[in-house]
């Protein structure tokens, strides 16, 4: 059983918070993004190996693939999904702590007197 959480919503008119099951929402987002991102064959490999936990030998036997080809597929799937999970908007699935706890946006540091248009450079010591 997962726990129900109360999340605050910015800008709500009638209700400033909402209830949700973060664990189930994360699982649903994870699997749906994987299904949209991967091809049919890649999704089948993803399901067998990453979701159901089948080792590479069972995947090779089931999908009739060679060992080297299977490992190349594993690496390609990890690369594709890693980019997809990181770049999904408005809330990325990675890093996980930001998904479950909300992101904290800190102000960017700047030096006094700079307009913020260029790179931040520390002041140099004058040579005597």
C-alpha atoms as a PDB file:
ATOM      1  CA  UNK A   1       0.000   0.000   0.000  1.00  0.00           C
ATOM      2  CA  UNK A   2       1.293   3.400  -0.841  1.00  0.00           C
ATOM      3  CA  UNK A   3       0.591   6.464   1.182  1.00  0.00           C
ATOM      4  CA  UNK A   4      -1.585   9.349   0.134  1.00  0.00           C
ATOM      5  CA  UNK A   5       0.095  12.750   0.147  1.00  0.00           C
ATOM      6  CA  UNK A   6      -1.301  16.254   0.267  1.00  0.00           C
ATOM      7  CA  UNK A   7       0.436  18.549  -2.215  1.00  0.00           C
ATOM      8  CA  UNK A   8       0.090  22.307  -2.360  1.00  0.00           C
ATOM      9  CA  UNK A   9      -0.836  23.863  -5.693  1.00  0.00           C
ATOM     10  CA  UNK A  10       0.198  27.360  -6.631  1.00  0.00           C
ATOM     11  CA  UNK A  11      -2.472  29.569  -8.145  1.00  0.00           C
ATOM     12  CA  UNK A  12      -5.550  27.511  -7.371  1.00  0.00           C
ATOM     13  CA  UNK A  13      -8.772  29.529  -7.046  1.00  0.00           C
ATOM     14  CA  UNK A  14     -10.961  27.294  -4.919  1.00  0.00           C
ATOM     15  CA  UNK A  15      -8.517  24.716  -3.626  1.00  0.00           C
ATOM     16  CA  UNK A  16      -4.849  25.318  -2.748  1.00  0.00           C
ATOM     17  CA  UNK A  17      -3.940  21.637  -2.380  1.00  0.00           C
ATOM     18  CA  UNK A  18      -4.618  18.236  -3.901  1.00  0.00           C
ATOM     19  CA  UNK A  19      -4.388  14.627  -2.790  1.00  0.00           C
ATOM     20  CA  UNK A  20      -2.293  12.114  -4.681  1.00  0.00           C
ATOM     21  CA  UNK A  21      -0.510   8.766  -4.626  1.00  0.00           C
ATOM     22  CA  UNK A  22       3.024   9.695  -5.653  1.00  0.00           C
ATOM     23  CA  UNK A  23       4.305   6.113  -5.943  1.00  0.00           C
ATOM     24  CA  UNK A  24       1.566   5.048  -8.359  1.00  0.00           C
ATOM     25  CA  UNK A  25       1.860   8.304 -10.306  1.00  0.00           C
ATOM     26  CA  UNK A  26       5.612   7.785 -10.713  1.00  0.00           C
ATOM     27  CA  UNK A  27       5.154   4.183 -11.893  1.00  0.00           C
ATOM     28  CA  UNK A  28       2.503   5.263 -14.407  1.00  0.00           C
ATOM     29  CA  UNK A  29       4.675   8.120 -15.721  1.00  0.00           C
ATOM     30  CA  UNK A  30       7.700   5.817 -15.939  1.00  0.00           C
ATOM     31  CA  UNK A  31       5.941   3.088 -17.933  1.00  0.00           C
ATOM     32  CA  UNK A  32       4.017   5.463 -20.223  1.00  0.00           C
ATOM     33  CA  UNK A  33       7.122   7.456 -21.141  1.00  0.00           C
ATOM     34  CA  UNK A  34       8.954   4.197 -21.847  1.00  0.00           C
ATOM     35  CA  UNK A  35       6.123   2.984 -24.074  1.00  0.00           C
ATOM     36  CA  UNK A  36       6.034   6.270 -26.036  1.00  0.00           C
ATOM     37  CA  UNK A  37       9.811   6.520 -26.410  1.00  0.00           C
ATOM     38  CA  UNK A  38      10.778   2.961 -27.380  1.00  0.00           C
ATOM     39  CA  UNK A  39      10.035   0.965 -30.505  1.00  0.00           C
ATOM     40  CA  UNK A  40       7.951  -2.212 -30.219  1.00  0.00           C
ATOM     41  CA  UNK A  41      11.009  -4.498 -30.046  1.00  0.00           C
ATOM     42  CA  UNK A  42      12.815  -2.216 -27.585  1.00  0.00           C
ATOM     43  CA  UNK A  43       9.709  -2.032 -25.400  1.00  0.00           C
ATOM     44  CA  UNK A  44       9.461  -5.825 -25.362  1.00  0.00           C
ATOM     45  CA  UNK A  45      13.104  -6.088 -24.247  1.00  0.00           C
ATOM     46  CA  UNK A  46      12.481  -3.335 -21.671  1.00  0.00           C
ATOM     47  CA  UNK A  47       9.516  -5.232 -20.232  1.00  0.00           C
ATOM     48  CA  UNK A  48      11.331  -8.577 -20.038  1.00  0.00           C
ATOM     49  CA  UNK A  49      14.633  -7.357 -18.645  1.00  0.00           C
ATOM     50  CA  UNK A  50      13.988  -4.122 -16.746  1.00  0.00           C
ATOM     51  CA  UNK A  51      10.417  -4.551 -15.499  1.00  0.00           C
ATOM     52  CA  UNK A  52      10.038  -8.327 -15.095  1.00  0.00           C
ATOM     53  CA  UNK A  53      13.681  -8.923 -14.108  1.00  0.00           C
ATOM     54  CA  UNK A  54      14.617 -11.574 -16.666  1.00  0.00           C
ATOM     55  CA  UNK A  55      18.367 -12.069 -17.006  1.00  0.00           C
ATOM     56  CA  UNK A  56      20.146 -11.704 -20.348  1.00  0.00           C
ATOM     57  CA  UNK A  57      20.145 -15.464 -21.014  1.00  0.00           C
ATOM     58  CA  UNK A  58      16.368 -15.705 -20.748  1.00  0.00           C
ATOM     59  CA  UNK A  59      15.925 -12.567 -22.890  1.00  0.00           C
ATOM     60  CA  UNK A  60      18.226 -13.999 -25.587  1.00  0.00           C
ATOM     61  CA  UNK A  61      16.356 -17.300 -25.620  1.00  0.00           C
ATOM     62  CA  UNK A  62      12.901 -15.700 -25.591  1.00  0.00           C
ATOM     63  CA  UNK A  63      13.648 -13.067 -28.257  1.00  0.00           C
ATOM     64  CA  UNK A  64      16.023 -15.252 -30.299  1.00  0.00           C
ATOM     65  CA  UNK A  65      18.913 -12.761 -30.179  1.00  0.00           C
ATOM     66  CA  UNK A  66      22.645 -13.107 -29.723  1.00  0.00           C
ATOM     67  CA  UNK A  67      24.287 -12.101 -26.432  1.00  0.00           C
ATOM     68  CA  UNK A  68      26.202  -9.114 -27.871  1.00  0.00           C
ATOM     69  CA  UNK A  69      23.155  -7.772 -29.687  1.00  0.00           C
ATOM     70  CA  UNK A  70      21.075  -8.086 -26.521  1.00  0.00           C
ATOM     71  CA  UNK A  71      23.564  -6.095 -24.445  1.00  0.00           C
ATOM     72  CA  UNK A  72      23.741  -3.416 -27.145  1.00  0.00           C
ATOM     73  CA  UNK A  73      19.953  -3.172 -26.947  1.00  0.00           C
ATOM     74  CA  UNK A  74      20.119  -2.881 -23.137  1.00  0.00           C
ATOM     75  CA  UNK A  75      22.576   0.026 -23.400  1.00  0.00           C
ATOM     76  CA  UNK A  76      20.563   1.746 -26.151  1.00  0.00           C
ATOM     77  CA  UNK A  77      17.354   1.447 -24.120  1.00  0.00           C
ATOM     78  CA  UNK A  78      19.050   2.860 -21.015  1.00  0.00           C
ATOM     79  CA  UNK A  79      20.415   5.780 -23.019  1.00  0.00           C
ATOM     80  CA  UNK A  80      17.097   6.594 -24.721  1.00  0.00           C
ATOM     81  CA  UNK A  81      15.041   6.364 -21.553  1.00  0.00           C
ATOM     82  CA  UNK A  82      17.577   8.247 -19.438  1.00  0.00           C
ATOM     83  CA  UNK A  83      17.348  11.201 -21.799  1.00  0.00           C
ATOM     84  CA  UNK A  84      13.540  10.955 -21.990  1.00  0.00           C
ATOM     85  CA  UNK A  85      13.119  10.802 -18.195  1.00  0.00           C
ATOM     86  CA  UNK A  86      15.448  13.753 -17.680  1.00  0.00           C
ATOM     87  CA  UNK A  87      13.919  15.969 -20.386  1.00  0.00           C
ATOM     88  CA  UNK A  88      10.183  15.370 -19.881  1.00  0.00           C
ATOM     89  CA  UNK A  89       8.336  18.607 -19.062  1.00  0.00           C
ATOM     90  CA  UNK A  90       7.041  20.210 -16.914  1.00  0.00           C
ATOM     91  CA  UNK A  91       8.399  17.819 -14.265  1.00  0.00           C
ATOM     92  CA  UNK A  92      11.257  15.440 -15.054  1.00  0.00           C
ATOM     93  CA  UNK A  93      11.348  11.947 -13.550  1.00  0.00           C
ATOM     94  CA  UNK A  94      14.997  12.425 -12.665  1.00  0.00           C
ATOM     95  CA  UNK A  95      16.216  13.320 -10.071  1.00  0.00           C
ATOM     96  CA  UNK A  96      13.706  11.293  -8.103  1.00  0.00           C
ATOM     97  CA  UNK A  97      13.845  13.430  -4.942  1.00  0.00           C
ATOM     98  CA  UNK A  98      12.575  16.437  -6.913  1.00  0.00           C
ATOM     99  CA  UNK A  99       9.699  14.357  -8.329  1.00  0.00           C
ATOM    100  CA  UNK A 100       8.528  13.285  -4.891  1.00  0.00           C
ATOM    101  CA  UNK A 101       9.387  16.394  -2.907  1.00  0.00           C
ATOM    102  CA  UNK A 102       9.164  19.227  -5.409  1.00  0.00           C
ATOM    103  CA  UNK A 103      12.104  21.188  -6.682  1.00  0.00           C
ATOM    104  CA  UNK A 104      13.657  23.974  -4.719  1.00  0.00           C
ATOM    105  CA  UNK A 105      14.717  26.885  -6.923  1.00  0.00           C
ATOM    106  CA  UNK A 106      17.471  28.927  -5.319  1.00  0.00           C
ATOM    107  CA  UNK A 107      18.387  32.355  -6.653  1.00  0.00           C
ATOM    108  CA  UNK A 108      21.443  32.397  -8.894  1.00  0.00           C
ATOM    109  CA  UNK A 109      24.480  33.996  -7.245  1.00  0.00           C
ATOM    110  CA  UNK A 110      25.779  37.185  -8.791  1.00  0.00           C
ATOM    111  CA  UNK A 111      28.333  39.796  -7.901  1.00  0.00           C
ATOM    112  CA  UNK A 112      27.193  43.255  -6.856  1.00  0.00           C
ATOM    113  CA  UNK A 113      27.231  45.762  -9.684  1.00  0.00           C
ATOM    114  CA  UNK A 114      26.942  43.223 -12.518  1.00  0.00           C
ATOM    115  CA  UNK A 115      23.892  43.267 -14.710  1.00  0.00           C
ATOM    116  CA  UNK A 116      23.757  39.478 -14.920  1.00  0.00           C
ATOM    117  CA  UNK A 117      24.296  39.483 -18.673  1.00  0.00           C
ATOM    118  CA  UNK A 118      27.720  37.841 -18.727  1.00  0.00           C
ATOM    119  CA  UNK A 119      29.766  35.262 -16.828  1.00  0.00           C
ATOM    120  CA  UNK A 120      30.464  35.791 -13.136  1.00  0.00           C
ATOM    121  CA  UNK A 121      34.132  36.624 -12.560  1.00  0.00           C
ATOM    122  CA  UNK A 122      35.732  37.167  -9.149  1.00  0.00           C
ATOM    123  CA  UNK A 123      37.573  40.460  -8.616  1.00  0.00           C
ATOM    124  CA  UNK A 124      41.312  40.334  -9.317  1.00  0.00           C
ATOM    125  CA  UNK A 125      43.941  41.382  -6.823  1.00  0.00           C
ATOM    126  CA  UNK A 126      45.965  44.396  -7.921  1.00  0.00           C
ATOM    127  CA  UNK A 127      49.697  43.874  -8.351  1.00  0.00           C
ATOM    128  CA  UNK A 128      51.968  46.421  -6.645  1.00  0.00           C
END
